[in-house]
C-alpha atoms as a PDB file:
ATOM      1  CA  UNK A   1      75.171   1.406 -78.952  1.00  0.00           C
ATOM      2  CA  UNK A   2      75.365   4.422 -76.652  1.00  0.00           C
ATOM      3  CA  UNK A   3      72.374   6.405 -75.394  1.00  0.00           C
ATOM      4  CA  UNK A   4      72.222   9.663 -73.431  1.00  0.00           C
ATOM      5  CA  UNK A   5      69.498  10.774 -71.035  1.00  0.00           C
ATOM      6  CA  UNK A   6      68.904  13.882 -68.983  1.00  0.00           C
ATOM      7  CA  UNK A   7      67.032  14.342 -65.736  1.00  0.00           C
ATOM      8  CA  UNK A   8      65.797  17.186 -63.571  1.00  0.00           C
ATOM      9  CA  UNK A   9      64.193  17.309 -60.146  1.00  0.00           C
ATOM     10  CA  UNK A  10      63.186  19.996 -57.706  1.00  0.00           C
ATOM     11  CA  UNK A  11      61.839  20.032 -54.149  1.00  0.00           C
ATOM     12  CA  UNK A  12      60.739  22.778 -51.817  1.00  0.00           C
ATOM     13  CA  UNK A  13      62.663  23.135 -48.571  1.00  0.00           C
ATOM     14  CA  UNK A  14      61.016  23.044 -45.162  1.00  0.00           C
ATOM     15  CA  UNK A  15      62.313  23.796 -41.678  1.00  0.00           C
ATOM     16  CA  UNK A  16      63.377  20.900 -39.477  1.00  0.00           C
ATOM     17  CA  UNK A  17      63.477  18.231 -42.202  1.00  0.00           C
ATOM     18  CA  UNK A  18      66.445  16.042 -43.185  1.00  0.00           C
ATOM     19  CA  UNK A  19      68.448  17.178 -46.217  1.00  0.00           C
ATOM     20  CA  UNK A  20      69.611  14.152 -48.190  1.00  0.00           C
ATOM     21  CA  UNK A  21      71.583  14.649 -51.402  1.00  0.00           C
ATOM     22  CA  UNK A  22      73.268  11.888 -53.340  1.00  0.00           C
ATOM     23  CA  UNK A  23      72.503   9.449 -50.537  1.00  0.00           C
ATOM     24  CA  UNK A  24      74.341  11.608 -47.989  1.00  0.00           C
ATOM     25  CA  UNK A  25      72.670  13.421 -45.105  1.00  0.00           C
ATOM     26  CA  UNK A  26      73.864  17.026 -45.199  1.00  0.00           C
ATOM     27  CA  UNK A  27      73.552  19.012 -41.959  1.00  0.00           C
ATOM     28  CA  UNK A  28      71.193  21.947 -42.479  1.00  0.00           C
ATOM     29  CA  UNK A  29      68.224  23.631 -40.824  1.00  0.00           C
ATOM     30  CA  UNK A  30      66.004  22.767 -43.813  1.00  0.00           C
ATOM     31  CA  UNK A  31      65.288  19.623 -45.773  1.00  0.00           C
ATOM     32  CA  UNK A  32      63.230  18.569 -48.762  1.00  0.00           C
ATOM     33  CA  UNK A  33      59.465  18.374 -48.576  1.00  0.00           C
ATOM     34  CA  UNK A  34      58.766  15.096 -50.365  1.00  0.00           C
ATOM     35  CA  UNK A  35      56.958  11.756 -50.378  1.00  0.00           C
ATOM     36  CA  UNK A  36      60.298   9.890 -50.289  1.00  0.00           C
ATOM     37  CA  UNK A  37      63.494  11.124 -48.630  1.00  0.00           C
ATOM     38  CA  UNK A  38      63.441  13.964 -51.191  1.00  0.00           C
ATOM     39  CA  UNK A  39      66.899  13.273 -52.627  1.00  0.00           C
ATOM     40  CA  UNK A  40      66.666  15.537 -55.687  1.00  0.00           C
ATOM     41  CA  UNK A  41      70.096  14.492 -56.920  1.00  0.00           C
ATOM     42  CA  UNK A  42      69.293  10.790 -57.020  1.00  0.00           C
ATOM     43  CA  UNK A  43      65.852  11.523 -58.480  1.00  0.00           C
ATOM     44  CA  UNK A  44      67.430  13.499 -61.338  1.00  0.00           C
ATOM     45  CA  UNK A  45      69.916  10.674 -61.938  1.00  0.00           C
ATOM     46  CA  UNK A  46      67.090   8.104 -62.012  1.00  0.00           C
ATOM     47  CA  UNK A  47      65.268  10.194 -64.610  1.00  0.00           C
ATOM     48  CA  UNK A  48      68.436  10.580 -66.700  1.00  0.00           C
ATOM     49  CA  UNK A  49      69.016   6.818 -66.695  1.00  0.00           C
ATOM     50  CA  UNK A  50      65.395   5.971 -67.419  1.00  0.00           C
ATOM     51  CA  UNK A  51      65.300   8.592 -70.162  1.00  0.00           C
ATOM     52  CA  UNK A  52      68.422   7.222 -71.815  1.00  0.00           C
ATOM     53  CA  UNK A  53      66.713   3.837 -72.099  1.00  0.00           C
ATOM     54  CA  UNK A  54      63.353   5.403 -73.124  1.00  0.00           C
ATOM     55  CA  UNK A  55      61.749   3.779 -70.080  1.00  0.00           C
ATOM     56  CA  UNK A  56      59.722   6.739 -68.827  1.00  0.00           C
ATOM     57  CA  UNK A  57      60.467   8.607 -65.633  1.00  0.00           C
ATOM     58  CA  UNK A  58      60.759   8.081 -61.902  1.00  0.00           C
ATOM     59  CA  UNK A  59      57.086   8.953 -61.334  1.00  0.00           C
ATOM     60  CA  UNK A  60      55.991   6.185 -63.697  1.00  0.00           C
ATOM     61  CA  UNK A  61      57.926   3.510 -61.818  1.00  0.00           C
ATOM     62  CA  UNK A  62      57.795   4.881 -58.260  1.00  0.00           C
ATOM     63  CA  UNK A  63      54.642   7.035 -57.959  1.00  0.00           C
ATOM     64  CA  UNK A  64      54.433   9.501 -55.088  1.00  0.00           C
ATOM     65  CA  UNK A  65      50.885   8.324 -54.519  1.00  0.00           C
ATOM     66  CA  UNK A  66      52.064   4.862 -53.433  1.00  0.00           C
ATOM     67  CA  UNK A  67      52.435   4.085 -49.727  1.00  0.00           C
ATOM     68  CA  UNK A  68      55.202   1.637 -50.730  1.00  0.00           C
ATOM     69  CA  UNK A  69      57.522   4.556 -51.487  1.00  0.00           C
ATOM     70  CA  UNK A  70      56.612   6.830 -48.557  1.00  0.00           C
ATOM     71  CA  UNK A  71      59.835   7.920 -46.867  1.00  0.00           C
ATOM     72  CA  UNK A  72      61.932   5.508 -48.962  1.00  0.00           C
ATOM     73  CA  UNK A  73      65.677   5.929 -49.203  1.00  0.00           C
ATOM     74  CA  UNK A  74      66.162   7.067 -52.806  1.00  0.00           C
ATOM     75  CA  UNK A  75      69.273   4.914 -53.125  1.00  0.00           C
ATOM     76  CA  UNK A  76      66.890   1.934 -53.244  1.00  0.00           C
ATOM     77  CA  UNK A  77      65.117   3.544 -56.192  1.00  0.00           C
ATOM     78  CA  UNK A  78      68.424   4.109 -57.982  1.00  0.00           C
ATOM     79  CA  UNK A  79      69.488   0.496 -57.450  1.00  0.00           C
ATOM     80  CA  UNK A  80      66.144  -0.645 -58.869  1.00  0.00           C
ATOM     81  CA  UNK A  81      66.538   1.641 -61.914  1.00  0.00           C
ATOM     82  CA  UNK A  82      69.981   0.145 -62.594  1.00  0.00           C
ATOM     83  CA  UNK A  83      68.482  -3.352 -62.287  1.00  0.00           C
ATOM     84  CA  UNK A  84      65.768  -2.383 -64.779  1.00  0.00           C
ATOM     85  CA  UNK A  85      68.418  -1.110 -67.185  1.00  0.00           C
ATOM     86  CA  UNK A  86      70.333  -4.363 -66.822  1.00  0.00           C
ATOM     87  CA  UNK A  87      67.185  -6.367 -67.547  1.00  0.00           C
ATOM     88  CA  UNK A  88      66.772  -4.289 -70.722  1.00  0.00           C
ATOM     89  CA  UNK A  89      70.376  -4.994 -71.743  1.00  0.00           C
ATOM     90  CA  UNK A  90      72.049  -1.727 -70.721  1.00  0.00           C
ATOM     91  CA  UNK A  91      74.861  -0.733 -68.395  1.00  0.00           C
ATOM     92  CA  UNK A  92      75.729   2.723 -67.055  1.00  0.00           C
ATOM     93  CA  UNK A  93      78.901   4.313 -68.452  1.00  0.00           C
ATOM     94  CA  UNK A  94      78.981   7.643 -66.604  1.00  0.00           C
ATOM     95  CA  UNK A  95      76.890  10.298 -64.870  1.00  0.00           C
ATOM     96  CA  UNK A  96      77.337  14.062 -64.689  1.00  0.00           C
ATOM     97  CA  UNK A  97      75.149  16.060 -62.314  1.00  0.00           C
ATOM     98  CA  UNK A  98      74.672  19.464 -60.692  1.00  0.00           C
ATOM     99  CA  UNK A  99      72.850  20.484 -57.514  1.00  0.00           C
ATOM    100  CA  UNK A 100      71.659  24.089 -57.234  1.00  0.00           C
ATOM    101  CA  UNK A 101      71.026  25.590 -53.791  1.00  0.00           C
ATOM    102  CA  UNK A 102      72.233  28.672 -51.990  1.00  0.00           C
ATOM    103  CA  UNK A 103      73.350  26.967 -48.801  1.00  0.00           C
ATOM    104  CA  UNK A 104      74.770  24.981 -47.190  1.00  0.00           C
ATOM    105  CA  UNK A 105      77.997  24.710 -49.134  1.00  0.00           C
ATOM    106  CA  UNK A 106      78.129  21.183 -50.541  1.00  0.00           C
ATOM    107  CA  UNK A 107      81.838  20.861 -51.384  1.00  0.00           C
ATOM    108  CA  UNK A 108      82.611  18.921 -48.148  1.00  0.00           C
ATOM    109  CA  UNK A 109      80.019  16.260 -49.079  1.00  0.00           C
ATOM    110  CA  UNK A 110      80.566  15.802 -52.804  1.00  0.00           C
ATOM    111  CA  UNK A 111      83.095  12.962 -52.602  1.00  0.00           C
ATOM    112  CA  UNK A 112      80.767  11.008 -50.308  1.00  0.00           C
ATOM    113  CA  UNK A 113      77.872  11.643 -52.723  1.00  0.00           C
ATOM    114  CA  UNK A 114      79.946  10.393 -55.640  1.00  0.00           C
ATOM    115  CA  UNK A 115      80.860   7.249 -53.708  1.00  0.00           C
ATOM    116  CA  UNK A 116      77.231   6.547 -52.724  1.00  0.00           C
ATOM    117  CA  UNK A 117      75.950   7.038 -56.257  1.00  0.00           C
ATOM    118  CA  UNK A 118      78.765   4.952 -57.759  1.00  0.00           C
ATOM    119  CA  UNK A 119      78.019   2.090 -55.355  1.00  0.00           C
ATOM    120  CA  UNK A 120      74.325   2.119 -56.295  1.00  0.00           C
ATOM    121  CA  UNK A 121      75.049   2.268 -60.021  1.00  0.00           C
ATOM    122  CA  UNK A 122      77.971  -0.189 -59.864  1.00  0.00           C
ATOM    123  CA  UNK A 123      80.482   2.010 -61.663  1.00  0.00           C
ATOM    124  CA  UNK A 124      83.743   3.550 -60.398  1.00  0.00           C
ATOM    125  CA  UNK A 125      83.418   6.824 -58.490  1.00  0.00           C
ATOM    126  CA  UNK A 126      85.593   8.533 -61.110  1.00  0.00           C
ATOM    127  CA  UNK A 127      82.722   7.913 -63.567  1.00  0.00           C
ATOM    128  CA  UNK A 128      80.334   9.956 -61.398  1.00  0.00           C
ATOM    129  CA  UNK A 129      80.525  13.741 -61.376  1.00  0.00           C
ATOM    130  CA  UNK A 130      78.635  15.813 -58.817  1.00  0.00           C
ATOM    131  CA  UNK A 131      78.887  19.582 -58.981  1.00  0.00           C
ATOM    132  CA  UNK A 132      77.250  22.208 -56.794  1.00  0.00           C
ATOM    133  CA  UNK A 133      76.284  25.764 -57.557  1.00  0.00           C
ATOM    134  CA  UNK A 134      74.389  28.620 -56.022  1.00  0.00           C
ATOM    135  CA  UNK A 135      72.091  30.782 -58.073  1.00  0.00           C
ATOM    136  CA  UNK A 136      73.589  34.005 -56.740  1.00  0.00           C
ATOM    137  CA  UNK A 137      70.556  34.494 -54.476  1.00  0.00           C
ATOM    138  CA  UNK A 138      68.181  34.474 -57.474  1.00  0.00           C
ATOM    139  CA  UNK A 139      65.141  32.244 -57.925  1.00  0.00           C
ATOM    140  CA  UNK A 140      63.730  29.698 -55.502  1.00  0.00           C
ATOM    141  CA  UNK A 141      67.141  28.092 -54.943  1.00  0.00           C
ATOM    142  CA  UNK A 142      68.841  31.413 -54.232  1.00  0.00           C
ATOM    143  CA  UNK A 143      66.024  32.481 -51.935  1.00  0.00           C
ATOM    144  CA  UNK A 144      66.505  29.170 -50.042  1.00  0.00           C
ATOM    145  CA  UNK A 145      62.962  28.039 -50.754  1.00  0.00           C
ATOM    146  CA  UNK A 146      64.036  24.955 -52.715  1.00  0.00           C
ATOM    147  CA  UNK A 147      66.749  22.864 -54.283  1.00  0.00           C
ATOM    148  CA  UNK A 148      67.097  21.517 -57.826  1.00  0.00           C
ATOM    149  CA  UNK A 149      69.316  18.995 -59.543  1.00  0.00           C
ATOM    150  CA  UNK A 150      70.115  18.122 -63.132  1.00  0.00           C
ATOM    151  CA  UNK A 151      71.823  15.007 -64.420  1.00  0.00           C
ATOM    152  CA  UNK A 152      73.051  13.562 -67.669  1.00  0.00           C
ATOM    153  CA  UNK A 153      73.795   9.859 -68.016  1.00  0.00           C
ATOM    154  CA  UNK A 154      75.444   7.776 -70.706  1.00  0.00           C
ATOM    155  CA  UNK A 155      74.438   4.131 -71.016  1.00  0.00           C
ATOM    156  CA  UNK A 156      75.459   1.448 -73.481  1.00  0.00           C
ATOM    157  CA  UNK A 157      73.980  -1.789 -74.706  1.00  0.00           C
ATOM    158  CA  UNK A 158      75.691  -4.786 -73.064  1.00  0.00           C
END
């Protein structure tokens, strides 16, 4: 039995913060304002996986009101989500995702992001797609006030 889930996350950008996307630190003058490391890409993937299994969302399992998750590396959250799926009898088949932000250009970091995500999810990197887009200077992403990510994941019953 196959199941599909979709996820979305967004964070505002702030000066002088680290920008982490897909588990990779991307050099930039701005980073995500967040309780955790603000990795919108991994957060969207977590939500897609949890949604596919009808297990709620990232906020249900890792609330931003908990000191336990303050500043946490989002890769740890993704690993835990995959463990939860395994406990429920599912495995990840593939992930497709998109990050939207005006700059910096993400193409030089996408292969590293794919590798990081694949390692966390325990699937081959060629089963993880990461795409990047600008919003042609429109909206909060285009105005460089924030970054968003969407993800779709396919899981199957073991």
